[in-house]
Structures are given as structure tokens and as C-alpha cells.
Protein backbone atom coordinates (compact mmCIF):
# COMPACT_ATOMS: atom_id res chain seq x y z
CA UNK A 1 11.41 1.57 22.45
CA UNK A 2 10.06 3.77 19.67
CA UNK A 3 6.74 5.53 20.32
CA UNK A 4 3.70 5.61 18.02
CA UNK A 5 4.62 9.02 16.61
CA UNK A 6 8.08 7.76 15.66
CA UNK A 7 6.52 4.72 13.98
CA UNK A 8 4.21 7.01 11.96
CA UNK A 9 7.24 8.93 10.68
CA UNK A 10 8.87 5.68 9.54
CA UNK A 11 5.62 4.40 7.98
CA UNK A 12 5.24 7.59 5.96
CA UNK A 13 8.85 7.32 4.77
CA UNK A 14 8.23 3.74 3.56
CA UNK A 15 5.06 4.78 1.72
CA UNK A 16 6.85 7.67 0.02
CA UNK A 17 9.80 5.43 -0.96
CA UNK A 18 7.28 3.10 -2.64
CA UNK A 19 5.82 5.99 -4.69
CA UNK A 20 2.46 5.79 -2.92
CA UNK A 21 0.34 8.95 -3.06
CA UNK A 22 0.15 9.64 0.69
CA UNK A 23 -2.58 12.27 0.18
CA UNK A 24 -5.01 9.42 -0.52
CA UNK A 25 -3.91 7.23 2.39
CA UNK A 26 -4.61 7.66 6.10
CA UNK A 27 -2.43 5.96 8.66
CA UNK A 28 -2.00 5.99 12.39
CA UNK A 29 -0.36 3.88 15.05
CA UNK A 30 -1.98 2.86 18.30
CA UNK A 31 0.11 0.94 20.82
CA UNK A 32 2.47 -0.25 18.08
CA UNK A 33 -0.27 -1.40 15.68
CA UNK A 34 -0.27 0.48 12.37
CA UNK A 35 -3.67 1.12 10.76
CA UNK A 36 -3.64 2.12 7.08
CA UNK A 37 -6.74 2.96 5.05
CA UNK A 38 -7.80 4.97 2.02
CA UNK A 39 -7.08 4.46 -1.65
CA UNK A 40 -3.79 2.99 -2.80
CA UNK A 41 -2.51 4.96 -5.75
CA UNK A 42 1.05 5.00 -7.00
CA UNK A 43 2.29 8.45 -7.97
CA UNK A 44 4.23 7.43 -11.04
CA UNK A 45 3.45 4.94 -13.76
CA UNK A 46 7.09 3.88 -14.14
CA UNK A 47 6.64 0.18 -13.50
CA UNK A 48 4.87 -0.88 -16.71
CA UNK A 49 4.96 0.52 -20.23
CA UNK A 50 1.53 2.14 -20.93
CA UNK A 51 1.89 1.16 -24.62
CA UNK A 52 2.02 -2.56 -23.74
CA UNK A 53 -1.18 -4.34 -24.87
CA UNK A 54 -1.30 -6.14 -21.52
CA UNK A 55 -0.75 -2.91 -19.58
CA UNK A 56 -3.66 -3.24 -17.13
CA UNK A 57 -2.93 -6.84 -16.19
CA UNK A 58 0.79 -6.20 -15.78
CA UNK A 59 0.17 -3.04 -13.77
CA UNK A 60 -2.11 -4.90 -11.35
CA UNK A 61 0.49 -7.65 -10.99
CA UNK A 62 3.29 -5.15 -10.33
CA UNK A 63 1.18 -3.19 -7.84
CA UNK A 64 0.15 -6.36 -5.97
CA UNK A 65 3.81 -7.37 -5.70
CA UNK A 66 4.79 -3.89 -4.51
CA UNK A 67 1.99 -3.91 -1.95
CA UNK A 68 3.17 -7.23 -0.53
CA UNK A 69 6.74 -5.87 -0.27
CA UNK A 70 5.53 -2.67 1.40
CA UNK A 71 3.56 -4.67 3.95
CA UNK A 72 6.63 -6.79 4.66
CA UNK A 73 8.88 -3.73 5.09
CA UNK A 74 6.39 -2.09 7.44
CA UNK A 75 6.28 -5.17 9.64
CA UNK A 76 10.07 -5.00 10.04
CA UNK A 77 10.02 -1.47 11.49
CA UNK A 78 11.19 -1.47 15.08
CA UNK A 79 8.33 -1.11 17.55
CA UNK A 80 5.57 -2.31 15.22
CA UNK A 81 3.46 -5.06 16.75
CA UNK A 82 1.06 -5.39 13.82
CA UNK A 83 -0.09 -3.87 10.52
CA UNK A 84 -3.74 -3.58 9.51
CA UNK A 85 -4.41 -2.44 5.96
CA UNK A 86 -7.88 -1.60 4.64
CA UNK A 87 -7.63 -0.02 1.19
CA UNK A 88 -10.80 0.82 -0.71
CA UNK A 89 -9.32 -0.53 -3.94
CA UNK A 90 -7.30 -3.56 -2.74
CA UNK A 91 -8.17 -6.52 -0.53
CA UNK A 92 -5.93 -9.19 0.95
CA UNK A 93 -7.12 -12.74 0.33
CA UNK A 94 -4.87 -15.22 2.11
CA UNK A 95 -1.38 -13.97 1.36
CA UNK A 96 -2.31 -12.34 -1.98
CA UNK A 97 -3.39 -8.77 -2.68
CA UNK A 98 -6.21 -8.44 -5.21
CA UNK A 99 -7.50 -5.23 -6.77
CA UNK A 100 -11.13 -4.49 -5.98
CA UNK A 101 -13.43 -3.17 -8.64
CA UNK A 102 -15.61 -0.48 -7.17
CA UNK A 103 -19.12 0.06 -8.58
CA UNK A 104 -19.20 2.38 -11.59
CA UNK A 105 -15.43 2.61 -11.80
CA UNK A 106 -13.00 1.21 -14.30
CA UNK A 107 -9.98 -0.71 -13.04
CA UNK A 108 -7.74 1.97 -14.65
């Protein structure tokens, strides 16, 4: 069975593959349960054309979809018993990820 340190290595690899800025995210594994917190920020804006008039809405939709896929991939890592995600700028409601608006801050 893979240990917590080995799981952390695989979690970081998944986050990097998804273009997540890992400097803004903290993660650890305790007894096979992955805890992720911090601010979710994708490193590259390659998913949506910034010149599109609906840029912000489309970007949020793309990021929510990517977040759901990342969560799913993490849960499939061998040795993981659970994944707990607590981002400052995203919240999970049911099975959907929704961007939080923090006080005094624009969505983008």
C-alpha cells in the first residue's frame, strides 16, 4: 500500500498536470485522506479566449469542469481513502463547483 508521502507526490503531479498554481495551494495526506486548501488559480489562460465577450462566464464554467475532473482523478489514486477540498475561491454545492466572490474582490 502506498504511504501518505507517496500520495502527496501523486497529488502534486495531478495538480501540475491540470495547470494549477501549486504555490497558492496547500495539500497534505493523513491516513490516506487528502486535504487541499488555499486559492485555486490556473497558471495559464489557455482554456478560453480573453477577447470573447462572455470570457468571464466561460472561464468560470471551464474552471468548474476542470475542478470536477481533478477531484475525480485524485479520488482514483491508489491509497486515497478520501479527498477534502476547501478553496478560498471555490465551494462545492452538491456535486457542482461554484466560484465564491470574496469581499472587495472582482471575480477576475
